[in-house]
């Protein structure tokens, strides 16, 4: 199944890269089962530094 998804992942990565500057993959630490932190990765769907910009938006 992974072999079939590689072209799809490559196309999505290329689309993200062409749409805006910054990394293609976003990594974030989350809390998992049993309270253990883990690092999740996903294709970036927001602007770079969106988490920091959110604080600016909420303070207005």
PDB file of N, CA and C in Angstrom:
ATOM      1  N   UNK A   1       0.825  -1.190   0.000  1.00  0.00           N
ATOM      2  CA  UNK A   1       0.000   0.000   0.000  1.00  0.00           C
ATOM      3  C   UNK A   1       0.873   1.261   0.000  1.00  0.00           C
ATOM      4  N   UNK A   2       1.959   1.230   0.756  1.00  0.00           N
ATOM      5  CA  UNK A   2       2.850   2.400   0.817  1.00  0.00           C
ATOM      6  C   UNK A   2       3.427   2.705  -0.556  1.00  0.00           C
ATOM      7  N   UNK A   3       3.778   1.658  -1.306  1.00  0.00           N
ATOM      8  CA  UNK A   3       4.344   1.853  -2.636  1.00  0.00           C
ATOM      9  C   UNK A   3       3.344   2.580  -3.536  1.00  0.00           C
ATOM     10  N   UNK A   4       2.065   2.283  -3.382  1.00  0.00           N
ATOM     11  CA  UNK A   4       1.044   2.941  -4.192  1.00  0.00           C
ATOM     12  C   UNK A   4       0.831   4.395  -3.773  1.00  0.00           C
ATOM     13  N   UNK A   5       1.102   4.705  -2.509  1.00  0.00           N
ATOM     14  CA  UNK A   5       0.875   6.057  -2.003  1.00  0.00           C
ATOM     15  C   UNK A   5       2.058   6.996  -2.210  1.00  0.00           C
ATOM     16  N   UNK A   6       3.223   6.471  -2.524  1.00  0.00           N
ATOM     17  CA  UNK A   6       4.408   7.319  -2.717  1.00  0.00           C
ATOM     18  C   UNK A   6       4.178   8.398  -3.778  1.00  0.00           C
ATOM     19  N   UNK A   7       3.605   8.089  -4.939  1.00  0.00           N
ATOM     20  CA  UNK A   7       3.362   9.162  -5.920  1.00  0.00           C
ATOM     21  C   UNK A   7       2.369  10.217  -5.402  1.00  0.00           C
ATOM     22  N   UNK A   8       1.390   9.787  -4.641  1.00  0.00           N
ATOM     23  CA  UNK A   8       0.420  10.730  -4.068  1.00  0.00           C
ATOM     24  C   UNK A   8       1.122  11.645  -3.064  1.00  0.00           C
ATOM     25  N   UNK A   9       1.928  11.059  -2.180  1.00  0.00           N
ATOM     26  CA  UNK A   9       2.669  11.851  -1.193  1.00  0.00           C
ATOM     27  C   UNK A   9       3.612  12.822  -1.891  1.00  0.00           C
ATOM     28  N   UNK A  10       4.262  12.374  -2.950  1.00  0.00           N
ATOM     29  CA  UNK A  10       5.180  13.248  -3.689  1.00  0.00           C
ATOM     30  C   UNK A  10       4.415  14.414  -4.316  1.00  0.00           C
ATOM     31  N   UNK A  11       3.251  14.148  -4.875  1.00  0.00           N
ATOM     32  CA  UNK A  11       2.456  15.211  -5.486  1.00  0.00           C
ATOM     33  C   UNK A  11       1.970  16.213  -4.440  1.00  0.00           C
ATOM     34  N   UNK A  12       1.525  15.721  -3.300  1.00  0.00           N
ATOM     35  CA  UNK A  12       1.076  16.622  -2.225  1.00  0.00           C
ATOM     36  C   UNK A  12       2.251  17.456  -1.727  1.00  0.00           C
ATOM     37  N   UNK A  13       3.401  16.813  -1.522  1.00  0.00           N
ATOM     38  CA  UNK A  13       4.589  17.543  -1.079  1.00  0.00           C
ATOM     39  C   UNK A  13       5.002  18.617  -2.068  1.00  0.00           C
ATOM     40  N   UNK A  14       4.944  18.321  -3.331  1.00  0.00           N
ATOM     41  CA  UNK A  14       5.277  19.300  -4.363  1.00  0.00           C
ATOM     42  C   UNK A  14       4.283  20.461  -4.366  1.00  0.00           C
ATOM     43  N   UNK A  15       3.010  20.144  -4.188  1.00  0.00           N
ATOM     44  CA  UNK A  15       1.987  21.195  -4.149  1.00  0.00           C
ATOM     45  C   UNK A  15       2.187  22.119  -2.949  1.00  0.00           C
ATOM     46  N   UNK A  16       2.516  21.548  -1.801  1.00  0.00           N
ATOM     47  CA  UNK A  16       2.760  22.362  -0.603  1.00  0.00           C
ATOM     48  C   UNK A  16       3.980  23.251  -0.825  1.00  0.00           C
ATOM     49  N   UNK A  17       5.020  22.687  -1.389  1.00  0.00           N
ATOM     50  CA  UNK A  17       6.269  23.430  -1.624  1.00  0.00           C
ATOM     51  C   UNK A  17       6.046  24.584  -2.602  1.00  0.00           C
ATOM     52  N   UNK A  18       5.250  24.358  -3.638  1.00  0.00           N
ATOM     53  CA  UNK A  18       5.008  25.388  -4.640  1.00  0.00           C
ATOM     54  C   UNK A  18       4.051  26.471  -4.142  1.00  0.00           C
ATOM     55  N   UNK A  19       3.179  26.121  -3.195  1.00  0.00           N
ATOM     56  CA  UNK A  19       2.171  27.054  -2.707  1.00  0.00           C
ATOM     57  C   UNK A  19       2.765  28.143  -1.821  1.00  0.00           C
ATOM     58  N   UNK A  20       3.717  27.770  -0.973  1.00  0.00           N
ATOM     59  CA  UNK A  20       4.289  28.745  -0.048  1.00  0.00           C
ATOM     60  C   UNK A  20       5.659  28.280   0.413  1.00  0.00           C
ATOM     61  N   UNK A  21       6.489  29.237   0.858  1.00  0.00           N
ATOM     62  CA  UNK A  21       7.813  28.850   1.348  1.00  0.00           C
ATOM     63  C   UNK A  21       7.709  28.145   2.691  1.00  0.00           C
ATOM     64  N   UNK A  22       8.721  27.412   3.023  1.00  0.00           N
ATOM     65  CA  UNK A  22       8.760  26.727   4.306  1.00  0.00           C
ATOM     66  C   UNK A  22       8.822  25.227   4.125  1.00  0.00           C
ATOM     67  N   UNK A  23       8.883  24.511   5.233  1.00  0.00           N
ATOM     68  CA  UNK A  23       8.995  23.055   5.156  1.00  0.00           C
ATOM     69  C   UNK A  23       7.700  22.422   4.659  1.00  0.00           C
ATOM     70  N   UNK A  24       7.826  21.263   4.052  1.00  0.00           N
ATOM     71  CA  UNK A  24       6.666  20.533   3.545  1.00  0.00           C
ATOM     72  C   UNK A  24       5.973  19.794   4.690  1.00  0.00           C
ATOM     73  N   UNK A  25       6.758  19.276   5.613  1.00  0.00           N
ATOM     74  CA  UNK A  25       6.220  18.476   6.710  1.00  0.00           C
ATOM     75  C   UNK A  25       6.261  19.291   8.001  1.00  0.00           C
ATOM     76  N   UNK A  26       5.159  19.236   8.745  1.00  0.00           N
ATOM     77  CA  UNK A  26       5.043  19.912  10.041  1.00  0.00           C
ATOM     78  C   UNK A  26       5.172  18.851  11.127  1.00  0.00           C
ATOM     79  N   UNK A  27       6.070  19.072  12.076  1.00  0.00           N
ATOM     80  CA  UNK A  27       6.250  18.145  13.198  1.00  0.00           C
ATOM     81  C   UNK A  27       5.801  18.828  14.480  1.00  0.00           C
ATOM     82  N   UNK A  28       5.087  18.065  15.313  1.00  0.00           N
ATOM     83  CA  UNK A  28       4.569  18.625  16.548  1.00  0.00           C
ATOM     84  C   UNK A  28       4.549  17.536  17.614  1.00  0.00           C
ATOM     85  N   UNK A  29       4.870  17.912  18.840  1.00  0.00           N
ATOM     86  CA  UNK A  29       4.817  16.973  19.948  1.00  0.00           C
ATOM     87  C   UNK A  29       3.396  16.928  20.490  1.00  0.00           C
ATOM     88  N   UNK A  30       2.859  15.728  20.608  1.00  0.00           N
ATOM     89  CA  UNK A  30       1.519  15.514  21.144  1.00  0.00           C
ATOM     90  C   UNK A  30       1.614  14.546  22.318  1.00  0.00           C
ATOM     91  N   UNK A  31       0.576  14.505  23.106  1.00  0.00           N
ATOM     92  CA  UNK A  31       0.517  13.573  24.224  1.00  0.00           C
ATOM     93  C   UNK A  31      -0.296  12.367  23.782  1.00  0.00           C
ATOM     94  N   UNK A  32       0.283  11.183  23.928  1.00  0.00           N
ATOM     95  CA  UNK A  32      -0.355   9.961  23.469  1.00  0.00           C
ATOM     96  C   UNK A  32      -0.903   9.132  24.612  1.00  0.00           C
ATOM     97  N   UNK A  33      -1.116   7.879  24.318  1.00  0.00           N
ATOM     98  CA  UNK A  33      -1.654   6.932  25.290  1.00  0.00           C
ATOM     99  C   UNK A  33      -0.755   6.853  26.517  1.00  0.00           C
ATOM    100  N   UNK A  34      -1.357   6.888  27.664  1.00  0.00           N
ATOM    101  CA  UNK A  34      -0.595   6.813  28.898  1.00  0.00           C
ATOM    102  C   UNK A  34       0.141   8.093  29.227  1.00  0.00           C
ATOM    103  N   UNK A  35      -0.179   9.185  28.545  1.00  0.00           N
ATOM    104  CA  UNK A  35       0.467  10.466  28.805  1.00  0.00           C
ATOM    105  C   UNK A  35       1.867  10.587  28.232  1.00  0.00           C
ATOM    106  N   UNK A  36       2.262   9.646  27.385  1.00  0.00           N
ATOM    107  CA  UNK A  36       3.605   9.683  26.808  1.00  0.00           C
ATOM    108  C   UNK A  36       3.619  10.604  25.589  1.00  0.00           C
ATOM    109  N   UNK A  37       4.558  11.544  25.544  1.00  0.00           N
ATOM    110  CA  UNK A  37       4.645  12.425  24.370  1.00  0.00           C
ATOM    111  C   UNK A  37       5.220  11.674  23.167  1.00  0.00           C
ATOM    112  N   UNK A  38       4.753  12.050  21.996  1.00  0.00           N
ATOM    113  CA  UNK A  38       5.296  11.508  20.757  1.00  0.00           C
ATOM    114  C   UNK A  38       5.312  12.632  19.718  1.00  0.00           C
ATOM    115  N   UNK A  39       6.124  12.463  18.705  1.00  0.00           N
ATOM    116  CA  UNK A  39       6.226  13.463  17.653  1.00  0.00           C
ATOM    117  C   UNK A  39       5.414  12.976  16.459  1.00  0.00           C
ATOM    118  N   UNK A  40       4.439  13.783  16.068  1.00  0.00           N
ATOM    119  CA  UNK A  40       3.644  13.450  14.888  1.00  0.00           C
ATOM    120  C   UNK A  40       4.091  14.330  13.734  1.00  0.00           C
ATOM    121  N   UNK A  41       3.927  13.812  12.548  1.00  0.00           N
ATOM    122  CA  UNK A  41       4.304  14.562  11.352  1.00  0.00           C
ATOM    123  C   UNK A  41       3.132  14.542  10.382  1.00  0.00           C
ATOM    124  N   UNK A  42       2.924  15.678   9.726  1.00  0.00           N
ATOM    125  CA  UNK A  42       1.874  15.766   8.714  1.00  0.00           C
ATOM    126  C   UNK A  42       2.301  16.784   7.674  1.00  0.00           C
ATOM    127  N   UNK A  43       1.641  16.742   6.533  1.00  0.00           N
ATOM    128  CA  UNK A  43       1.907  17.765   5.536  1.00  0.00           C
ATOM    129  C   UNK A  43       1.435  19.103   6.078  1.00  0.00           C
ATOM    130  N   UNK A  44       2.230  20.126   5.849  1.00  0.00           N
ATOM    131  CA  UNK A  44       1.884  21.457   6.341  1.00  0.00           C
ATOM    132  C   UNK A  44       0.679  21.985   5.580  1.00  0.00           C
ATOM    133  N   UNK A  45      -0.345  22.393   6.323  1.00  0.00           N
ATOM    134  CA  UNK A  45      -1.557  22.928   5.704  1.00  0.00           C
ATOM    135  C   UNK A  45      -1.784  24.374   6.097  1.00  0.00           C
ATOM    136  N   UNK A  46      -0.869  24.945   6.883  1.00  0.00           N
ATOM    137  CA  UNK A  46      -0.989  26.330   7.343  1.00  0.00           C
ATOM    138  C   UNK A  46       0.268  27.091   6.944  1.00  0.00           C
ATOM    139  N   UNK A  47       0.281  28.363   7.227  1.00  0.00           N
ATOM    140  CA  UNK A  47       1.480  29.155   6.968  1.00  0.00           C
ATOM    141  C   UNK A  47       2.548  28.787   7.985  1.00  0.00           C
ATOM    142  N   UNK A  48       3.787  29.080   7.657  1.00  0.00           N
ATOM    143  CA  UNK A  48       4.886  28.846   8.585  1.00  0.00           C
ATOM    144  C   UNK A  48       4.668  29.717   9.824  1.00  0.00           C
ATOM    145  N   UNK A  49       4.956  29.213  11.008  1.00  0.00           N
ATOM    146  CA  UNK A  49       4.804  29.911  12.290  1.00  0.00           C
ATOM    147  C   UNK A  49       3.340  30.215  12.629  1.00  0.00           C
ATOM    148  N   UNK A  50       2.422  29.391  12.173  1.00  0.00           N
ATOM    149  CA  UNK A  50       0.998  29.628  12.427  1.00  0.00           C
ATOM    150  C   UNK A  50       0.678  29.588  13.920  1.00  0.00           C
ATOM    151  N   UNK A  51       1.361  28.730  14.674  1.00  0.00           N
ATOM    152  CA  UNK A  51       1.083  28.651  16.112  1.00  0.00           C
ATOM    153  C   UNK A  51       1.449  29.961  16.815  1.00  0.00           C
ATOM    154  N   UNK A  52       2.555  30.583  16.429  1.00  0.00           N
ATOM    155  CA  UNK A  52       2.931  31.858  17.031  1.00  0.00           C
ATOM    156  C   UNK A  52       1.998  32.974  16.570  1.00  0.00           C
ATOM    157  N   UNK A  53       1.589  32.935  15.307  1.00  0.00           N
ATOM    158  CA  UNK A  53       0.684  33.955  14.793  1.00  0.00           C
ATOM    159  C   UNK A  53      -0.695  33.873  15.432  1.00  0.00           C
ATOM    160  N   UNK A  54      -1.113  32.672  15.845  1.00  0.00           N
ATOM    161  CA  UNK A  54      -2.415  32.490  16.482  1.00  0.00           C
ATOM    162  C   UNK A  54      -2.506  33.315  17.765  1.00  0.00           C
ATOM    163  N   UNK A  55      -1.435  33.395  18.513  1.00  0.00           N
ATOM    164  CA  UNK A  55      -1.417  34.187  19.757  1.00  0.00           C
ATOM    165  C   UNK A  55      -1.650  35.669  19.454  1.00  0.00           C
ATOM    166  N   UNK A  56      -1.081  36.124  18.348  1.00  0.00           N
ATOM    167  CA  UNK A  56      -1.291  37.524  17.962  1.00  0.00           C
ATOM    168  C   UNK A  56      -2.753  37.775  17.576  1.00  0.00           C
ATOM    169  N   UNK A  57      -3.361  36.842  16.909  1.00  0.00           N
ATOM    170  CA  UNK A  57      -4.745  36.990  16.486  1.00  0.00           C
ATOM    171  C   UNK A  57      -5.703  36.960  17.679  1.00  0.00           C
ATOM    172  N   UNK A  58      -5.426  36.115  18.671  1.00  0.00           N
ATOM    173  CA  UNK A  58      -6.293  35.987  19.836  1.00  0.00           C
ATOM    174  C   UNK A  58      -6.192  37.185  20.771  1.00  0.00           C
ATOM    175  N   UNK A  59      -5.087  37.922  20.713  1.00  0.00           N
ATOM    176  CA  UNK A  59      -4.892  39.030  21.657  1.00  0.00           C
ATOM    177  C   UNK A  59      -5.558  40.316  21.178  1.00  0.00           C
ATOM    178  N   UNK A  60      -6.098  40.326  19.969  1.00  0.00           N
ATOM    179  CA  UNK A  60      -6.732  41.561  19.468  1.00  0.00           C
ATOM    180  C   UNK A  60      -8.197  41.597  19.760  1.00  0.00           C
TER     181      UNK A  60
END
